[in-house]
N, C-alpha and C. Protein backbone atom coordinates (compact mmCIF):
# COMPACT_ATOMS: atom_id res chain seq x y z
N MET A 1 4.05 10.51 33.86
CA MET A 1 4.33 11.15 32.86
C MET A 1 4.95 10.38 31.75
N GLU A 2 6.15 9.53 32.06
CA GLU A 2 6.71 8.77 31.04
C GLU A 2 6.05 7.91 30.26
N GLY A 3 4.97 7.39 31.12
CA GLY A 3 4.11 6.37 30.30
C GLY A 3 3.24 7.19 29.14
N ASN A 4 2.88 8.63 29.37
CA ASN A 4 2.20 9.21 28.42
C ASN A 4 3.28 9.64 27.32
N GLU A 5 4.58 9.74 27.72
CA GLU A 5 5.45 10.07 26.40
C GLU A 5 5.55 8.90 25.51
N SER A 6 5.63 7.54 25.92
CA SER A 6 5.75 6.47 25.43
C SER A 6 4.33 6.24 24.55
N ARG A 7 3.28 6.52 25.21
CA ARG A 7 2.13 6.52 24.33
C ARG A 7 2.08 7.33 23.26
N ASP A 8 2.68 8.74 23.44
CA ASP A 8 2.60 9.81 22.32
C ASP A 8 3.62 8.99 21.18
N GLU A 9 4.64 8.59 21.65
CA GLU A 9 5.68 8.25 20.75
C GLU A 9 5.04 6.88 19.78
N GLU A 10 4.14 6.00 20.58
CA GLU A 10 3.75 4.85 19.78
C GLU A 10 2.46 5.42 18.84
N LEU A 11 1.83 6.47 19.35
CA LEU A 11 0.92 6.97 18.53
C LEU A 11 1.36 7.64 17.36
N SER A 12 2.35 8.30 17.60
CA SER A 12 3.03 9.07 16.35
C SER A 12 3.55 8.11 15.35
N ARG A 13 4.13 6.95 15.63
CA ARG A 13 4.44 5.79 14.93
C ARG A 13 3.16 5.45 14.14
N LEU A 14 2.32 5.15 14.80
CA LEU A 14 0.96 4.69 14.18
C LEU A 14 0.28 5.53 13.05
N ILE A 15 0.35 6.88 13.62
CA ILE A 15 -0.24 7.76 12.58
C ILE A 15 0.60 7.89 11.44
N SER A 16 1.91 7.68 11.35
CA SER A 16 2.73 8.01 10.25
C SER A 16 2.79 6.73 9.46
N ASP A 17 2.34 5.57 10.03
CA ASP A 17 2.47 4.15 9.17
C ASP A 17 1.80 4.37 7.93
N GLU A 18 2.35 3.84 6.91
CA GLU A 18 1.59 3.84 5.48
C GLU A 18 0.29 3.12 5.65
N TYR A 19 0.13 1.85 6.01
CA TYR A 19 -1.20 1.21 6.07
C TYR A 19 -2.14 1.93 7.01
N ALA A 20 -1.64 2.50 8.31
CA ALA A 20 -2.53 3.29 9.02
C ALA A 20 -3.27 4.56 8.26
N GLY A 21 -2.37 4.92 7.59
CA GLY A 21 -2.81 6.21 6.92
C GLY A 21 -3.72 5.86 5.70
N LYS A 22 -3.55 4.72 4.92
CA LYS A 22 -4.45 4.25 4.11
C LYS A 22 -5.75 3.76 4.58
N ILE A 23 -5.84 3.35 5.98
CA ILE A 23 -7.11 2.85 6.48
C ILE A 23 -7.81 4.15 7.18
N LEU A 24 -7.14 5.07 7.69
CA LEU A 24 -7.77 6.33 8.04
C LEU A 24 -8.57 6.94 6.83
N SER A 25 -7.78 7.15 5.68
CA SER A 25 -8.23 7.85 4.47
C SER A 25 -9.42 6.95 3.83
N ALA A 26 -9.21 5.80 4.05
CA ALA A 26 -10.47 5.18 3.30
C ALA A 26 -11.88 5.17 4.04
N THR A 27 -11.60 5.06 5.30
CA THR A 27 -12.76 5.05 6.27
C THR A 27 -13.18 6.41 6.76
N TYR A 28 -12.59 7.42 6.12
CA TYR A 28 -12.90 8.81 6.70
C TYR A 28 -14.53 9.18 6.61
N ARG A 29 -14.88 8.83 5.57
CA ARG A 29 -16.44 9.31 5.57
C ARG A 29 -17.50 8.11 5.43
N HIS A 30 -16.98 6.88 4.91
CA HIS A 30 -17.62 5.76 4.84
C HIS A 30 -17.11 4.62 5.73
N PRO A 31 -17.92 3.92 6.36
CA PRO A 31 -17.29 2.71 7.09
C PRO A 31 -17.08 1.62 6.24
N MET A 32 -16.09 0.76 6.47
CA MET A 32 -15.70 -0.15 6.00
C MET A 32 -15.50 -1.55 6.55
N SER A 33 -15.62 -2.62 6.30
CA SER A 33 -15.24 -4.03 6.84
C SER A 33 -13.68 -3.97 6.77
N VAL A 34 -13.19 -4.82 7.33
CA VAL A 34 -11.65 -4.99 7.43
C VAL A 34 -11.43 -5.66 5.81
N GLN A 35 -12.32 -6.65 5.39
CA GLN A 35 -12.09 -7.15 4.12
C GLN A 35 -12.35 -6.19 3.10
N GLN A 36 -13.30 -5.23 3.20
CA GLN A 36 -13.25 -4.10 2.12
C GLN A 36 -12.02 -3.37 2.34
N ILE A 37 -11.43 -2.98 3.42
CA ILE A 37 -10.26 -2.25 3.69
C ILE A 37 -9.04 -2.87 3.01
N SER A 38 -8.78 -4.32 3.28
CA SER A 38 -7.72 -4.91 2.70
C SER A 38 -7.80 -4.83 1.29
N ARG A 39 -8.89 -5.22 0.59
CA ARG A 39 -9.07 -5.13 -0.98
C ARG A 39 -8.90 -3.61 -1.28
N GLY A 40 -9.75 -2.74 -0.99
CA GLY A 40 -9.72 -1.51 -1.23
C GLY A 40 -8.31 -0.70 -1.50
N CYS A 41 -7.46 -0.87 -0.43
CA CYS A 41 -6.31 -0.20 0.08
C CYS A 41 -5.08 -1.16 -0.42
N ALA A 42 -5.25 -2.55 -0.85
CA ALA A 42 -4.23 -3.27 -1.27
C ALA A 42 -3.30 -3.54 0.13
N ILE A 43 -3.86 -3.81 1.15
CA ILE A 43 -3.22 -4.20 2.49
C ILE A 43 -3.48 -5.81 2.58
N PRO A 44 -2.47 -6.52 2.83
CA PRO A 44 -2.60 -8.03 3.25
C PRO A 44 -3.74 -8.01 4.47
N ILE A 45 -4.57 -9.00 4.32
CA ILE A 45 -5.61 -9.06 5.21
C ILE A 45 -5.23 -9.33 6.68
N ALA A 46 -4.26 -9.93 6.98
CA ALA A 46 -3.87 -10.12 8.44
C ALA A 46 -3.22 -8.74 8.75
N VAL A 47 -2.55 -7.85 7.91
CA VAL A 47 -2.09 -6.69 8.41
C VAL A 47 -3.12 -5.87 8.65
N ALA A 48 -4.19 -5.89 7.75
CA ALA A 48 -5.34 -4.97 7.84
C ALA A 48 -6.02 -5.10 9.35
N TYR A 49 -6.15 -6.41 9.75
CA TYR A 49 -6.86 -6.67 10.86
C TYR A 49 -5.88 -6.25 12.08
N ARG A 50 -4.57 -6.44 11.95
CA ARG A 50 -3.88 -5.76 13.12
C ARG A 50 -4.04 -4.25 13.19
N ARG A 51 -3.64 -3.72 11.94
CA ARG A 51 -3.73 -2.00 12.15
C ARG A 51 -5.09 -1.59 12.64
N VAL A 52 -6.10 -2.37 11.98
CA VAL A 52 -7.39 -1.86 12.51
C VAL A 52 -7.59 -2.06 14.01
N ALA A 53 -7.18 -3.07 14.41
CA ALA A 53 -7.26 -3.47 15.92
C ALA A 53 -6.39 -2.39 16.77
N LYS A 54 -5.19 -1.96 16.26
CA LYS A 54 -4.21 -0.98 17.04
C LYS A 54 -4.90 0.55 16.73
N LEU A 55 -5.60 0.84 15.63
CA LEU A 55 -6.15 1.93 15.41
C LEU A 55 -7.32 2.06 16.42
N GLU A 56 -8.07 0.98 16.67
CA GLU A 56 -9.40 1.04 17.58
C GLU A 56 -8.66 1.23 18.98
N GLU A 57 -7.70 0.46 19.42
CA GLU A 57 -7.14 0.63 20.63
C GLU A 57 -6.86 2.10 20.91
N TYR A 58 -6.25 3.01 20.10
CA TYR A 58 -6.02 4.26 20.34
C TYR A 58 -7.04 5.16 20.04
N GLY A 59 -8.21 4.59 19.53
CA GLY A 59 -9.29 5.48 19.34
C GLY A 59 -9.54 6.11 17.89
N LEU A 60 -8.55 5.71 17.22
CA LEU A 60 -8.53 6.51 15.89
C LEU A 60 -9.53 6.05 14.93
N VAL A 61 -9.95 4.83 14.96
CA VAL A 61 -10.98 4.19 14.28
C VAL A 61 -12.22 3.67 15.44
N LYS A 62 -13.37 3.56 15.01
CA LYS A 62 -14.51 3.00 16.01
C LYS A 62 -15.33 2.05 15.07
N CYS A 63 -15.68 1.09 15.80
CA CYS A 63 -16.46 0.12 15.27
C CYS A 63 -17.92 0.79 15.33
N VAL A 64 -18.42 1.04 14.25
CA VAL A 64 -19.72 1.78 14.06
C VAL A 64 -21.03 0.94 13.76
N GLY A 65 -20.71 -0.45 13.87
CA GLY A 65 -21.94 -1.37 13.63
C GLY A 65 -21.43 -2.67 12.83
N TYR A 66 -22.53 -3.58 12.60
CA TYR A 66 -22.17 -4.56 12.18
C TYR A 66 -23.14 -5.16 11.06
N GLU A 67 -22.89 -6.25 10.48
CA GLU A 67 -24.02 -6.67 9.50
C GLU A 67 -23.95 -8.22 9.66
N GLU A 68 -25.10 -9.01 9.69
CA GLU A 68 -25.11 -10.40 9.93
C GLU A 68 -24.78 -10.79 8.36
N VAL A 69 -23.96 -11.73 8.09
CA VAL A 69 -23.81 -11.98 6.75
C VAL A 69 -24.02 -13.59 6.31
N TYR A 70 -23.78 -14.58 7.30
CA TYR A 70 -24.19 -15.76 7.12
C TYR A 70 -24.24 -16.70 8.40
N ARG A 71 -25.51 -17.12 8.69
CA ARG A 71 -25.76 -18.05 9.87
C ARG A 71 -25.08 -17.38 11.17
N GLY A 72 -25.51 -16.25 11.29
CA GLY A 72 -25.14 -15.24 12.43
C GLY A 72 -23.94 -14.83 12.58
N LYS A 73 -22.99 -15.07 11.50
CA LYS A 73 -21.72 -14.59 11.33
C LYS A 73 -21.80 -13.20 11.27
N LYS A 74 -21.06 -12.32 12.10
CA LYS A 74 -21.19 -10.84 11.80
C LYS A 74 -19.84 -10.08 11.27
N VAL A 75 -20.11 -9.31 10.54
CA VAL A 75 -18.98 -8.51 9.90
C VAL A 75 -19.18 -7.03 10.50
N ASN A 76 -17.99 -6.69 11.25
CA ASN A 76 -17.82 -5.12 11.95
C ASN A 76 -17.59 -4.26 10.88
N TYR A 77 -18.03 -3.00 11.09
CA TYR A 77 -17.68 -2.09 10.17
C TYR A 77 -17.13 -0.73 10.98
N TYR A 78 -15.85 -0.19 10.28
CA TYR A 78 -15.09 0.73 11.03
C TYR A 78 -15.07 2.07 10.33
N GLN A 79 -15.04 3.16 11.03
CA GLN A 79 -14.93 4.40 10.68
C GLN A 79 -13.77 5.31 11.08
N CYS A 80 -13.07 5.94 10.40
CA CYS A 80 -12.17 6.88 10.90
C CYS A 80 -12.68 7.90 12.18
N ALA A 81 -12.20 7.88 13.13
CA ALA A 81 -12.72 8.91 14.28
C ALA A 81 -12.11 10.17 14.36
N VAL A 82 -11.07 10.40 13.37
CA VAL A 82 -10.27 11.60 13.43
C VAL A 82 -10.69 12.69 12.72
N ASN A 83 -10.72 13.74 13.19
CA ASN A 83 -10.92 14.88 12.22
C ASN A 83 -9.39 15.51 11.89
N MET A 84 -8.69 15.60 12.78
CA MET A 84 -7.40 16.25 12.61
C MET A 84 -6.29 15.62 13.63
N ALA A 85 -5.05 15.21 13.14
CA ALA A 85 -3.94 14.78 14.00
C ALA A 85 -2.97 15.55 13.78
N LYS A 86 -2.22 15.82 14.86
CA LYS A 86 -0.95 16.74 14.66
C LYS A 86 0.14 16.00 15.63
N VAL A 87 1.29 15.60 14.98
CA VAL A 87 2.64 15.29 15.88
C VAL A 87 3.43 16.22 15.93
N ILE A 88 3.91 16.41 16.94
CA ILE A 88 5.04 17.66 17.16
C ILE A 88 6.23 16.87 18.00
N PHE A 89 7.33 17.17 17.45
CA PHE A 89 8.57 16.69 18.24
C PHE A 89 9.30 17.99 18.42
N ALA A 90 9.54 18.16 20.00
CA ALA A 90 10.13 19.56 20.43
C ALA A 90 10.69 19.04 21.75
N GLY A 91 11.96 19.50 21.62
CA GLY A 91 12.69 19.38 23.06
C GLY A 91 13.15 17.88 23.15
N GLY A 92 13.07 17.14 22.10
CA GLY A 92 13.52 15.77 22.22
C GLY A 92 12.29 14.83 22.70
N LYS A 93 11.00 15.42 22.61
CA LYS A 93 9.93 14.58 23.11
C LYS A 93 8.77 14.68 21.95
N PHE A 94 8.04 13.59 21.78
CA PHE A 94 6.92 13.81 21.12
C PHE A 94 5.63 14.25 21.78
N ASP A 95 4.93 15.01 21.02
CA ASP A 95 3.64 15.34 21.57
C ASP A 95 2.47 15.05 20.31
N VAL A 96 1.42 14.60 20.65
CA VAL A 96 0.37 14.35 19.45
C VAL A 96 -0.96 14.83 20.07
N GLU A 97 -1.33 15.51 19.18
CA GLU A 97 -2.82 16.20 19.62
C GLU A 97 -3.73 15.57 18.31
N VAL A 98 -4.85 15.05 18.99
CA VAL A 98 -5.81 14.58 18.03
C VAL A 98 -7.12 15.17 18.29
N ASP A 99 -7.87 15.53 17.25
CA ASP A 99 -9.06 16.23 17.33
C ASP A 99 -10.02 15.24 16.66
N PHE A 100 -11.08 14.54 17.63
CA PHE A 100 -11.69 13.38 17.13
C PHE A 100 -13.02 14.20 16.70
N LEU A 101 -13.81 13.37 15.65
CA LEU A 101 -14.81 13.59 15.01
C LEU A 101 -15.94 13.49 16.12
N PRO A 102 -16.87 14.27 16.07
CA PRO A 102 -18.27 14.16 17.22
C PRO A 102 -18.76 12.88 16.75
N GLU A 103 -19.49 12.13 17.81
CA GLU A 103 -20.19 10.85 17.56
C GLU A 103 -21.30 11.15 16.52
N SER A 104 -21.90 12.38 16.54
CA SER A 104 -23.13 12.64 15.52
C SER A 104 -22.58 12.93 14.08
N GLU A 105 -21.39 12.83 13.75
CA GLU A 105 -20.84 12.71 12.59
C GLU A 105 -20.39 11.35 11.96
N MET A 106 -20.65 10.55 12.90
CA MET A 106 -20.19 8.97 12.48
C MET A 106 -21.45 8.54 11.89
N GLU A 107 -21.13 7.68 11.05
CA GLU A 107 -22.14 6.81 10.16
C GLU A 107 -22.35 5.36 10.92
N HIS A 108 -23.55 5.12 11.28
CA HIS A 108 -23.80 3.84 12.01
C HIS A 108 -24.53 2.86 11.08
N ILE A 109 -24.13 1.47 11.24
CA ILE A 109 -24.35 0.51 10.31
C ILE A 109 -25.22 -0.62 11.23
N GLY A 110 -26.23 -1.12 10.73
CA GLY A 110 -26.82 -2.31 11.50
C GLY A 110 -28.01 -2.03 12.21
N PRO A 111 -28.57 -2.89 13.00
CA PRO A 111 -29.54 -2.67 13.87
C PRO A 111 -29.26 -1.73 14.90
N ASN A 112 -30.16 -0.86 15.48
CA ASN A 112 -29.91 -0.01 16.65
C ASN A 112 -30.74 -0.44 17.75
N GLU A 113 -30.48 -0.02 19.01
CA GLU A 113 -31.19 -0.42 20.19
C GLU A 113 -32.71 0.01 20.01
N ALA A 114 -32.98 1.08 19.35
CA ALA A 114 -34.43 1.52 19.23
C ALA A 114 -35.29 0.18 18.63
N GLU A 115 -34.69 -0.05 17.36
CA GLU A 115 -35.28 -1.33 16.74
C GLU A 115 -35.43 -2.52 17.32
N GLY A 116 -34.57 -2.85 18.11
CA GLY A 116 -34.58 -3.76 19.12
C GLY A 116 -35.57 -3.96 19.91
N GLU A 117 -35.80 -2.74 20.52
CA GLU A 117 -36.97 -2.41 21.61
C GLU A 117 -38.24 -2.74 21.09
N ASN A 118 -38.67 -2.37 19.75
CA ASN A 118 -39.86 -2.40 19.14
C ASN A 118 -40.14 -3.82 18.52
N ALA A 119 -39.04 -4.65 18.26
CA ALA A 119 -39.34 -5.88 17.75
C ALA A 119 -39.96 -7.02 18.69
């Protein structure tokens, strides 16, 4: 149980982080690459990569596809996976409730498996 409490505390810090908030807002309806997030949200590129990785670790953003850009180099696209998040502090403890977007509402980018099978 203690591990779950510390996870909720870390998740509450992440949700309330200014950069994480900008990333979640920017990617809510349209997937973006980390480079696009960095430029569009005025977040230093290294910070953008770290925050996106942390948000992905907690399931708050999802990689919804990729695009090959140059000689096999791939650029991943991320989308906010959260419909609603609520942080509650009661009795000296944090509780975080997250309502995730259904997979059907996520926009996917790049080749899908069906196209690969037909090729």
